Amino acid sequence: MIIQKGEWVRIHRVILNPEQRAPQVPDDTKNVPLEMWVKGFLQEEASIGDAVTIKTITGRLEKGTLLEVNPTYTHSFGKYVPELLQIGLDLKEILFGGDSDER
C-alpha cells in the first residue's frame, strides 16, 4: 500500500546502539539501544517499512522507518482525530502567525 505525501504517520529510529551508549549509564540501560518513535507529516510517497522523512508538528525534519499511518494513542485517550490536528495547526497560525515568526 502506497502512503501519500502529507499523511500523518509514525516512524522509528535507533539513535544509539548499545555499544555507543555512555559508560556511566546503568547496565540495564546501556545494554539496549536508545530508540525514538516520532509522529509527523510524510514528506514523500512511501510504504510501511520504508526509510522516510517526516516533518513534525513543530517543524523538525526527522528520518526513520515508517511504522504506521494515522497512528492512534494506545493509552486510552482515543483514536486519531484529524479535526483536532487541524485545530492545533489553526491555533498556531492564529496565536503565532504560523511559521513566519520562526527564525
PDB file of N, CA and C in Angstrom:
ATOM      1  N   MET A   1       0.837  -1.182   0.000  1.00  0.00           N
ATOM      2  CA  MET A   1       0.000   0.000   0.000  1.00  0.00           C
ATOM      3  C   MET A   1       0.887   1.252   0.000  1.00  0.00           C
ATOM      4  N   ILE A   2       0.628   2.139  -0.926  1.00  0.00           N
ATOM      5  CA  ILE A   2       1.377   3.393  -1.017  1.00  0.00           C
ATOM      6  C   ILE A   2       0.708   4.434  -0.113  1.00  0.00           C
ATOM      7  N   ILE A   3       1.509   5.059   0.716  1.00  0.00           N
ATOM      8  CA  ILE A   3       1.034   6.113   1.612  1.00  0.00           C
ATOM      9  C   ILE A   3       1.446   7.442   0.989  1.00  0.00           C
ATOM     10  N   GLN A   4       0.495   8.350   0.889  1.00  0.00           N
ATOM     11  CA  GLN A   4       0.697   9.607   0.186  1.00  0.00           C
ATOM     12  C   GLN A   4       1.478  10.627   1.018  1.00  0.00           C
ATOM     13  N   LYS A   5       2.217  11.473   0.316  1.00  0.00           N
ATOM     14  CA  LYS A   5       2.915  12.592   0.939  1.00  0.00           C
ATOM     15  C   LYS A   5       1.893  13.435   1.700  1.00  0.00           C
ATOM     16  N   GLY A   6       2.267  13.899   2.885  1.00  0.00           N
ATOM     17  CA  GLY A   6       1.389  14.738   3.692  1.00  0.00           C
ATOM     18  C   GLY A   6       0.570  13.984   4.720  1.00  0.00           C
ATOM     19  N   GLU A   7       0.533  12.645   4.637  1.00  0.00           N
ATOM     20  CA  GLU A   7      -0.217  11.860   5.622  1.00  0.00           C
ATOM     21  C   GLU A   7       0.469  11.932   6.987  1.00  0.00           C
ATOM     22  N   TRP A   8      -0.322  11.854   8.044  1.00  0.00           N
ATOM     23  CA  TRP A   8       0.167  11.837   9.431  1.00  0.00           C
ATOM     24  C   TRP A   8       0.627  10.413   9.733  1.00  0.00           C
ATOM     25  N   VAL A   9       1.903  10.253  10.100  1.00  0.00           N
ATOM     26  CA  VAL A   9       2.489   8.928  10.270  1.00  0.00           C
ATOM     27  C   VAL A   9       3.370   8.875  11.517  1.00  0.00           C
ATOM     28  N   ARG A  10       3.798   7.650  11.857  1.00  0.00           N
ATOM     29  CA  ARG A  10       4.749   7.444  12.949  1.00  0.00           C
ATOM     30  C   ARG A  10       5.954   6.696  12.400  1.00  0.00           C
ATOM     31  N   ILE A  11       7.149   7.145  12.817  1.00  0.00           N
ATOM     32  CA  ILE A  11       8.390   6.498  12.388  1.00  0.00           C
ATOM     33  C   ILE A  11       9.175   6.026  13.606  1.00  0.00           C
ATOM     34  N   HIS A  12      10.180   5.205  13.346  1.00  0.00           N
ATOM     35  CA  HIS A  12      11.065   4.680  14.387  1.00  0.00           C
ATOM     36  C   HIS A  12      12.508   4.800  13.912  1.00  0.00           C
ATOM     37  N   ARG A  13      13.407   5.110  14.848  1.00  0.00           N
ATOM     38  CA  ARG A  13      14.835   5.155  14.525  1.00  0.00           C
ATOM     39  C   ARG A  13      15.642   4.798  15.763  1.00  0.00           C
ATOM     40  N   VAL A  14      16.720   4.059  15.565  1.00  0.00           N
ATOM     41  CA  VAL A  14      17.671   3.788  16.646  1.00  0.00           C
ATOM     42  C   VAL A  14      18.651   4.955  16.668  1.00  0.00           C
ATOM     43  N   ILE A  15      18.720   5.654  17.789  1.00  0.00           N
ATOM     44  CA  ILE A  15      19.606   6.816  17.941  1.00  0.00           C
ATOM     45  C   ILE A  15      21.020   6.352  18.295  1.00  0.00           C
ATOM     46  N   LEU A  16      21.123   5.469  19.280  1.00  0.00           N
ATOM     47  CA  LEU A  16      22.416   4.917  19.696  1.00  0.00           C
ATOM     48  C   LEU A  16      22.287   3.416  19.890  1.00  0.00           C
ATOM     49  N   ASN A  17      23.221   2.662  19.347  1.00  0.00           N
ATOM     50  CA  ASN A  17      23.302   1.228  19.611  1.00  0.00           C
ATOM     51  C   ASN A  17      23.904   1.020  20.993  1.00  0.00           C
ATOM     52  N   PRO A  18      23.721  -0.157  21.598  1.00  0.00           N
ATOM     53  CA  PRO A  18      24.241  -0.383  22.960  1.00  0.00           C
ATOM     54  C   PRO A  18      25.719  -0.021  23.114  1.00  0.00           C
ATOM     55  N   GLU A  19      26.543  -0.361  22.123  1.00  0.00           N
ATOM     56  CA  GLU A  19      27.981  -0.072  22.242  1.00  0.00           C
ATOM     57  C   GLU A  19      28.299   1.427  22.151  1.00  0.00           C
ATOM     58  N   GLN A  20      27.322   2.234  21.748  1.00  0.00           N
ATOM     59  CA  GLN A  20      27.526   3.682  21.655  1.00  0.00           C
ATOM     60  C   GLN A  20      27.032   4.419  22.899  1.00  0.00           C
ATOM     61  N   ARG A  21      26.376   3.725  23.800  1.00  0.00           N
ATOM     62  CA  ARG A  21      25.819   4.362  24.995  1.00  0.00           C
ATOM     63  C   ARG A  21      26.938   4.819  25.920  1.00  0.00           C
ATOM     64  N   ALA A  22      26.681   5.864  26.682  1.00  0.00           N
ATOM     65  CA  ALA A  22      27.663   6.406  27.614  1.00  0.00           C
ATOM     66  C   ALA A  22      28.001   5.373  28.686  1.00  0.00           C
ATOM     67  N   PRO A  23      29.263   5.310  29.108  1.00  0.00           N
ATOM     68  CA  PRO A  23      29.671   4.289  30.091  1.00  0.00           C
ATOM     69  C   PRO A  23      29.047   4.504  31.472  1.00  0.00           C
ATOM     70  N   GLN A  24      28.637   5.715  31.802  1.00  0.00           N
ATOM     71  CA  GLN A  24      28.116   5.978  33.144  1.00  0.00           C
ATOM     72  C   GLN A  24      26.632   5.640  33.316  1.00  0.00           C
ATOM     73  N   VAL A  25      25.933   5.258  32.234  1.00  0.00           N
ATOM     74  CA  VAL A  25      24.521   4.903  32.397  1.00  0.00           C
ATOM     75  C   VAL A  25      24.406   3.522  33.039  1.00  0.00           C
ATOM     76  N   PRO A  26      23.314   3.254  33.738  1.00  0.00           N
ATOM     77  CA  PRO A  26      23.149   1.950  34.390  1.00  0.00           C
ATOM     78  C   PRO A  26      23.248   0.799  33.386  1.00  0.00           C
ATOM     79  N   ASP A  27      23.684  -0.358  33.867  1.00  0.00           N
ATOM     80  CA  ASP A  27      23.885  -1.517  32.995  1.00  0.00           C
ATOM     81  C   ASP A  27      22.635  -1.903  32.216  1.00  0.00           C
ATOM     82  N   ASP A  28      21.472  -1.890  32.883  1.00  0.00           N
ATOM     83  CA  ASP A  28      20.257  -2.285  32.169  1.00  0.00           C
ATOM     84  C   ASP A  28      19.908  -1.289  31.063  1.00  0.00           C
ATOM     85  N   THR A  29      20.361  -0.064  31.188  1.00  0.00           N
ATOM     86  CA  THR A  29      20.141   0.947  30.150  1.00  0.00           C
ATOM     87  C   THR A  29      21.161   0.822  29.035  1.00  0.00           C
ATOM     88  N   LYS A  30      22.429   0.654  29.384  1.00  0.00           N
ATOM     89  CA  LYS A  30      23.465   0.611  28.350  1.00  0.00           C
ATOM     90  C   LYS A  30      23.450  -0.661  27.529  1.00  0.00           C
ATOM     91  N   ASN A  31      22.692  -1.670  27.960  1.00  0.00           N
ATOM     92  CA  ASN A  31      22.609  -2.927  27.215  1.00  0.00           C
ATOM     93  C   ASN A  31      21.526  -2.932  26.135  1.00  0.00           C
ATOM     94  N   VAL A  32      20.793  -1.836  26.016  1.00  0.00           N
ATOM     95  CA  VAL A  32      19.740  -1.746  24.992  1.00  0.00           C
ATOM     96  C   VAL A  32      19.956  -0.483  24.162  1.00  0.00           C
ATOM     97  N   PRO A  33      19.461  -0.450  22.929  1.00  0.00           N
ATOM     98  CA  PRO A  33      19.626   0.751  22.118  1.00  0.00           C
ATOM     99  C   PRO A  33      18.750   1.900  22.619  1.00  0.00           C
ATOM    100  N   LEU A  34      19.177   3.120  22.328  1.00  0.00           N
ATOM    101  CA  LEU A  34      18.356   4.303  22.561  1.00  0.00           C
ATOM    102  C   LEU A  34      17.520   4.477  21.301  1.00  0.00           C
ATOM    103  N   GLU A  35      16.195   4.406  21.444  1.00  0.00           N
ATOM    104  CA  GLU A  35      15.303   4.424  20.292  1.00  0.00           C
ATOM    105  C   GLU A  35      14.390   5.645  20.325  1.00  0.00           C
ATOM    106  N   MET A  36      13.899   6.030  19.145  1.00  0.00           N
ATOM    107  CA  MET A  36      12.997   7.170  19.010  1.00  0.00           C
ATOM    108  C   MET A  36      11.799   6.752  18.175  1.00  0.00           C
ATOM    109  N   TRP A  37      10.620   7.103  18.632  1.00  0.00           N
ATOM    110  CA  TRP A  37       9.396   6.993  17.856  1.00  0.00           C
ATOM    111  C   TRP A  37       8.828   8.400  17.791  1.00  0.00           C
ATOM    112  N   VAL A  38       8.492   8.864  16.603  1.00  0.00           N
ATOM    113  CA  VAL A  38       8.000  10.233  16.458  1.00  0.00           C
ATOM    114  C   VAL A  38       6.962  10.289  15.351  1.00  0.00           C
ATOM    115  N   LYS A  39       6.021  11.217  15.493  1.00  0.00           N
ATOM    116  CA  LYS A  39       4.944  11.381  14.519  1.00  0.00           C
ATOM    117  C   LYS A  39       5.144  12.662  13.731  1.00  0.00           C
ATOM    118  N   GLY A  40       4.651  12.662  12.506  1.00  0.00           N
ATOM    119  CA  GLY A  40       4.743  13.848  11.678  1.00  0.00           C
ATOM    120  C   GLY A  40       4.119  13.617  10.318  1.00  0.00           C
ATOM    121  N   PHE A  41       4.276  14.620   9.454  1.00  0.00           N
ATOM    122  CA  PHE A  41       3.723  14.577   8.115  1.00  0.00           C
ATOM    123  C   PHE A  41       4.748  13.984   7.150  1.00  0.00           C
ATOM    124  N   LEU A  42       4.351  12.947   6.439  1.00  0.00           N
ATOM    125  CA  LEU A  42       5.209  12.260   5.490  1.00  0.00           C
ATOM    126  C   LEU A  42       5.627  13.212   4.371  1.00  0.00           C
ATOM    127  N   GLN A  43       6.907  13.227   4.043  1.00  0.00           N
ATOM    128  CA  GLN A  43       7.435  14.165   3.053  1.00  0.00           C
ATOM    129  C   GLN A  43       7.552  13.577   1.652  1.00  0.00           C
ATOM    130  N   GLU A  44       7.255  12.290   1.495  1.00  0.00           N
ATOM    131  CA  GLU A  44       7.296  11.657   0.177  1.00  0.00           C
ATOM    132  C   GLU A  44       6.407  10.415   0.209  1.00  0.00           C
ATOM    133  N   GLU A  45       5.949   9.973  -0.958  1.00  0.00           N
ATOM    134  CA  GLU A  45       5.189   8.725  -1.013  1.00  0.00           C
ATOM    135  C   GLU A  45       6.054   7.580  -0.498  1.00  0.00           C
ATOM    136  N   ALA A  46       5.454   6.632   0.203  1.00  0.00           N
ATOM    137  CA  ALA A  46       6.224   5.516   0.760  1.00  0.00           C
ATOM    138  C   ALA A  46       5.293   4.377   1.129  1.00  0.00           C
ATOM    139  N   SER A  47       5.894   3.273   1.526  1.00  0.00           N
ATOM    140  CA  SER A  47       5.168   2.114   2.046  1.00  0.00           C
ATOM    141  C   SER A  47       5.680   1.813   3.454  1.00  0.00           C
ATOM    142  N   ILE A  48       4.878   1.099   4.229  1.00  0.00           N
ATOM    143  CA  ILE A  48       5.292   0.694   5.568  1.00  0.00           C
ATOM    144  C   ILE A  48       6.632  -0.039   5.464  1.00  0.00           C
ATOM    145  N   GLY A  49       7.573   0.327   6.328  1.00  0.00           N
ATOM    146  CA  GLY A  49       8.897  -0.301   6.331  1.00  0.00           C
ATOM    147  C   GLY A  49       9.948   0.482   5.565  1.00  0.00           C
ATOM    148  N   ASP A  50       9.523   1.473   4.765  1.00  0.00           N
ATOM    149  CA  ASP A  50      10.480   2.288   4.007  1.00  0.00           C
ATOM    150  C   ASP A  50      11.180   3.298   4.913  1.00  0.00           C
ATOM    151  N   ALA A  51      12.393   3.678   4.521  1.00  0.00           N
ATOM    152  CA  ALA A  51      13.101   4.782   5.178  1.00  0.00           C
ATOM    153  C   ALA A  51      12.506   6.074   4.625  1.00  0.00           C
ATOM    154  N   VAL A  52      12.032   6.937   5.525  1.00  0.00           N
ATOM    155  CA  VAL A  52      11.327   8.152   5.112  1.00  0.00           C
ATOM    156  C   VAL A  52      11.775   9.359   5.922  1.00  0.00           C
ATOM    157  N   THR A  53      11.331  10.528   5.483  1.00  0.00           N
ATOM    158  CA  THR A  53      11.489  11.783   6.216  1.00  0.00           C
ATOM    159  C   THR A  53      10.100  12.293   6.555  1.00  0.00           C
ATOM    160  N   ILE A  54       9.959  12.800   7.774  1.00  0.00           N
ATOM    161  CA  ILE A  54       8.698  13.418   8.188  1.00  0.00           C
ATOM    162  C   ILE A  54       8.983  14.832   8.681  1.00  0.00           C
ATOM    163  N   LYS A  55       7.941  15.649   8.700  1.00  0.00           N
ATOM    164  CA  LYS A  55       8.019  16.980   9.308  1.00  0.00           C
ATOM    165  C   LYS A  55       7.102  16.958  10.520  1.00  0.00           C
ATOM    166  N   THR A  56       7.684  17.170  11.705  1.00  0.00           N
ATOM    167  CA  THR A  56       6.899  17.122  12.937  1.00  0.00           C
ATOM    168  C   THR A  56       6.007  18.344  13.046  1.00  0.00           C
ATOM    169  N   ILE A  57       5.113  18.306  13.996  1.00  0.00           N
ATOM    170  CA  ILE A  57       4.190  19.419  14.217  1.00  0.00           C
ATOM    171  C   ILE A  57       4.946  20.693  14.588  1.00  0.00           C
ATOM    172  N   THR A  58       6.171  20.552  15.132  1.00  0.00           N
ATOM    173  CA  THR A  58       6.983  21.715  15.483  1.00  0.00           C
ATOM    174  C   THR A  58       7.907  22.146  14.348  1.00  0.00           C
ATOM    175  N   GLY A  59       7.832  21.446  13.203  1.00  0.00           N
ATOM    176  CA  GLY A  59       8.614  21.842  12.037  1.00  0.00           C
ATOM    177  C   GLY A  59       9.955  21.141  11.866  1.00  0.00           C
ATOM    178  N   ARG A  60      10.317  20.232  12.794  1.00  0.00           N
ATOM    179  CA  ARG A  60      11.571  19.484  12.651  1.00  0.00           C
ATOM    180  C   ARG A  60      11.444  18.442  11.562  1.00  0.00           C
ATOM    181  N   LEU A  61      12.528  18.202  10.841  1.00  0.00           N
ATOM    182  CA  LEU A  61      12.578  17.100   9.886  1.00  0.00           C
ATOM    183  C   LEU A  61      13.287  15.934  10.552  1.00  0.00           C
ATOM    184  N   GLU A  62      12.660  14.776  10.542  1.00  0.00           N
ATOM    185  CA  GLU A  62      13.219  13.579  11.151  1.00  0.00           C
ATOM    186  C   GLU A  62      13.178  12.441  10.144  1.00  0.00           C
ATOM    187  N   LYS A  63      14.175  11.562  10.205  1.00  0.00           N
ATOM    188  CA  LYS A  63      14.234  10.388   9.334  1.00  0.00           C
ATOM    189  C   LYS A  63      14.088   9.140  10.162  1.00  0.00           C
ATOM    190  N   GLY A  64      13.469   8.117   9.560  1.00  0.00           N
ATOM    191  CA  GLY A  64      13.301   6.848  10.246  1.00  0.00           C
ATOM    192  C   GLY A  64      12.551   5.871   9.381  1.00  0.00           C
ATOM    193  N   THR A  65      12.199   4.739   9.968  1.00  0.00           N
ATOM    194  CA  THR A  65      11.455   3.691   9.281  1.00  0.00           C
ATOM    195  C   THR A  65       9.966   3.914   9.509  1.00  0.00           C
ATOM    196  N   LEU A  66       9.207   3.954   8.425  1.00  0.00           N
ATOM    197  CA  LEU A  66       7.767   4.187   8.505  1.00  0.00           C
ATOM    198  C   LEU A  66       7.073   2.999   9.158  1.00  0.00           C
ATOM    199  N   LEU A  67       6.335   3.281  10.258  1.00  0.00           N
ATOM    200  CA  LEU A  67       5.644   2.231  11.005  1.00  0.00           C
ATOM    201  C   LEU A  67       4.152   2.180  10.748  1.00  0.00           C
ATOM    202  N   GLU A  68       3.489   3.348  10.769  1.00  0.00           N
ATOM    203  CA  GLU A  68       2.037   3.347  10.632  1.00  0.00           C
ATOM    204  C   GLU A  68       1.508   4.693  10.156  1.00  0.00           C
ATOM    205  N   VAL A  69       0.305   4.632   9.596  1.00  0.00           N
ATOM    206  CA  VAL A  69      -0.405   5.818   9.118  1.00  0.00           C
ATOM    207  C   VAL A  69      -1.503   6.149  10.112  1.00  0.00           C
ATOM    208  N   ASN A  70      -1.733   7.438  10.333  1.00  0.00           N
ATOM    209  CA  ASN A  70      -2.749   7.899  11.280  1.00  0.00           C
ATOM    210  C   ASN A  70      -2.647   7.151  12.604  1.00  0.00           C
ATOM    211  N   PRO A  71      -1.464   7.235  13.247  1.00  0.00           N
ATOM    212  CA  PRO A  71      -1.251   6.491  14.496  1.00  0.00           C
ATOM    213  C   PRO A  71      -2.217   6.935  15.583  1.00  0.00           C
ATOM    214  N   THR A  72      -2.641   5.978  16.374  1.00  0.00           N
ATOM    215  CA  THR A  72      -3.536   6.290  17.493  1.00  0.00           C
ATOM    216  C   THR A  72      -2.766   6.165  18.796  1.00  0.00           C
ATOM    217  N   TYR A  73      -3.239   6.843  19.794  1.00  0.00           N
ATOM    218  CA  TYR A  73      -2.665   6.698  21.124  1.00  0.00           C
ATOM    219  C   TYR A  73      -3.112   5.352  21.679  1.00  0.00           C
ATOM    220  N   THR A  74      -2.233   4.670  22.373  1.00  0.00           N
ATOM    221  CA  THR A  74      -2.582   3.369  22.921  1.00  0.00           C
ATOM    222  C   THR A  74      -2.796   3.422  24.433  1.00  0.00           C
ATOM    223  N   HIS A  75      -2.839   4.615  24.995  1.00  0.00           N
ATOM    224  CA  HIS A  75      -3.038   4.743  26.437  1.00  0.00           C
ATOM    225  C   HIS A  75      -4.410   5.297  26.761  1.00  0.00           C
ATOM    226  N   SER A  76      -5.380   4.945  25.942  1.00  0.00           N
ATOM    227  CA  SER A  76      -6.814   5.182  26.152  1.00  0.00           C
ATOM    228  C   SER A  76      -7.276   6.632  26.049  1.00  0.00           C
ATOM    229  N   PHE A  77      -6.545   7.479  25.332  1.00  0.00           N
ATOM    230  CA  PHE A  77      -7.054   8.806  25.051  1.00  0.00           C
ATOM    231  C   PHE A  77      -7.893   8.808  23.776  1.00  0.00           C
ATOM    232  N   GLY A  78      -8.043   7.661  23.126  1.00  0.00           N
ATOM    233  CA  GLY A  78      -8.905   7.549  21.955  1.00  0.00           C
ATOM    234  C   GLY A  78      -8.141   7.465  20.659  1.00  0.00           C
ATOM    235  N   LYS A  79      -8.892   7.362  19.570  1.00  0.00           N
ATOM    236  CA  LYS A  79      -8.311   7.233  18.239  1.00  0.00           C
ATOM    237  C   LYS A  79      -7.909   8.591  17.681  1.00  0.00           C
ATOM    238  N   TYR A  80      -7.076   8.537  16.651  1.00  0.00           N
ATOM    239  CA  TYR A  80      -6.641   9.739  15.929  1.00  0.00           C
ATOM    240  C   TYR A  80      -7.859  10.510  15.434  1.00  0.00           C
ATOM    241  N   VAL A  81      -7.866  11.837  15.658  1.00  0.00           N
ATOM    242  CA  VAL A  81      -8.970  12.694  15.222  1.00  0.00           C
ATOM    243  C   VAL A  81      -8.378  13.785  14.331  1.00  0.00           C
ATOM    244  N   PRO A  82      -8.573  13.688  13.012  1.00  0.00           N
ATOM    245  CA  PRO A  82      -7.980  14.663  12.095  1.00  0.00           C
ATOM    246  C   PRO A  82      -8.367  16.102  12.428  1.00  0.00           C
ATOM    247  N   GLU A  83      -9.594  16.305  12.899  1.00  0.00           N
ATOM    248  CA  GLU A  83     -10.050  17.652  13.225  1.00  0.00           C
ATOM    249  C   GLU A  83      -9.221  18.279  14.342  1.00  0.00           C
ATOM    250  N   LEU A  84      -8.806  17.467  15.326  1.00  0.00           N
ATOM    251  CA  LEU A  84      -8.003  18.011  16.421  1.00  0.00           C
ATOM    252  C   LEU A  84      -6.615  18.424  15.941  1.00  0.00           C
ATOM    253  N   LEU A  85      -6.041  17.670  15.021  1.00  0.00           N
ATOM    254  CA  LEU A  85      -4.754  18.041  14.451  1.00  0.00           C
ATOM    255  C   LEU A  85      -4.878  19.379  13.732  1.00  0.00           C
ATOM    256  N   GLN A  86      -5.936  19.546  12.952  1.00  0.00           N
ATOM    257  CA  GLN A  86      -6.140  20.800  12.219  1.00  0.00           C
ATOM    258  C   GLN A  86      -6.379  21.963  13.172  1.00  0.00           C
ATOM    259  N   ILE A  87      -7.116  21.728  14.247  1.00  0.00           N
ATOM    260  CA  ILE A  87      -7.337  22.777  15.247  1.00  0.00           C
ATOM    261  C   ILE A  87      -6.003  23.254  15.806  1.00  0.00           C
ATOM    262  N   GLY A  88      -5.087  22.314  16.107  1.00  0.00           N
ATOM    263  CA  GLY A  88      -3.767  22.688  16.617  1.00  0.00           C
ATOM    264  C   GLY A  88      -2.999  23.546  15.626  1.00  0.00           C
ATOM    265  N   LEU A  89      -3.049  23.174  14.352  1.00  0.00           N
ATOM    266  CA  LEU A  89      -2.364  23.960  13.322  1.00  0.00           C
ATOM    267  C   LEU A  89      -2.992  25.344  13.175  1.00  0.00           C
ATOM    268  N   ASP A  90      -4.330  25.394  13.173  1.00  0.00           N
ATOM    269  CA  ASP A  90      -5.033  26.683  13.067  1.00  0.00           C
ATOM    270  C   ASP A  90      -4.713  27.581  14.263  1.00  0.00           C
ATOM    271  N   LEU A  91      -4.672  26.992  15.449  1.00  0.00           N
ATOM    272  CA  LEU A  91      -4.380  27.765  16.651  1.00  0.00           C
ATOM    273  C   LEU A  91      -2.966  28.340  16.598  1.00  0.00           C
ATOM    274  N   LYS A  92      -2.013  27.555  16.128  1.00  0.00           N
ATOM    275  CA  LYS A  92      -0.642  28.051  15.975  1.00  0.00           C
ATOM    276  C   LYS A  92      -0.616  29.251  15.025  1.00  0.00           C
ATOM    277  N   GLU A  93      -1.361  29.151  13.936  1.00  0.00           N
ATOM    278  CA  GLU A  93      -1.433  30.245  12.964  1.00  0.00           C
ATOM    279  C   GLU A  93      -2.035  31.498  13.602  1.00  0.00           C
ATOM    280  N   ILE A  94      -3.127  31.323  14.348  1.00  0.00           N
ATOM    281  CA  ILE A  94      -3.807  32.462  14.985  1.00  0.00           C
ATOM    282  C   ILE A  94      -2.920  33.115  16.042  1.00  0.00           C
ATOM    283  N   LEU A  95      -2.320  32.303  16.895  1.00  0.00           N
ATOM    284  CA  LEU A  95      -1.543  32.839  18.012  1.00  0.00           C
ATOM    285  C   LEU A  95      -0.167  33.367  17.611  1.00  0.00           C
ATOM    286  N   PHE A  96       0.482  32.676  16.684  1.00  0.00           N
ATOM    287  CA  PHE A  96       1.877  32.988  16.392  1.00  0.00           C
ATOM    288  C   PHE A  96       2.144  33.380  14.949  1.00  0.00           C
ATOM    289  N   GLY A  97       1.118  33.429  14.109  1.00  0.00           N
ATOM    290  CA  GLY A  97       1.340  33.793  12.721  1.00  0.00           C
ATOM    291  C   GLY A  97       1.988  32.694  11.903  1.00  0.00           C
ATOM    292  N   GLY A  98       1.787  31.448  12.302  1.00  0.00           N
ATOM    293  CA  GLY A  98       2.348  30.326  11.555  1.00  0.00           C
ATOM    294  C   GLY A  98       3.844  30.249  11.694  1.00  0.00           C
ATOM    295  N   ASP A  99       4.524  29.935  10.590  1.00  0.00           N
ATOM    296  CA  ASP A  99       5.975  29.757  10.606  1.00  0.00           C
ATOM    297  C   ASP A  99       6.721  31.062  10.387  1.00  0.00           C
ATOM    298  N   SER A 100       6.013  32.155  10.083  1.00  0.00           N
ATOM    299  CA  SER A 100       6.688  33.409   9.742  1.00  0.00           C
ATOM    300  C   SER A 100       7.479  34.007  10.895  1.00  0.00           C
ATOM    301  N   ASP A 101       7.133  33.666  12.153  1.00  0.00           N
ATOM    302  CA  ASP A 101       7.867  34.230  13.292  1.00  0.00           C
ATOM    303  C   ASP A 101       9.038  33.370  13.722  1.00  0.00           C
ATOM    304  N   GLU A 102       9.238  32.209  13.079  1.00  0.00           N
ATOM    305  CA  GLU A 102      10.355  31.339  13.447  1.00  0.00           C
ATOM    306  C   GLU A 102      11.595  31.744  12.683  1.00  0.00           C
ATOM    307  N   ARG A 103      12.679  31.906  13.392  1.00  0.00           N
ATOM    308  CA  ARG A 103      13.922  32.335  12.740  1.00  0.00           C
ATOM    309  C   ARG A 103      14.993  31.328  12.985  1.00  0.00           C
TER     310      ARG A 103
END
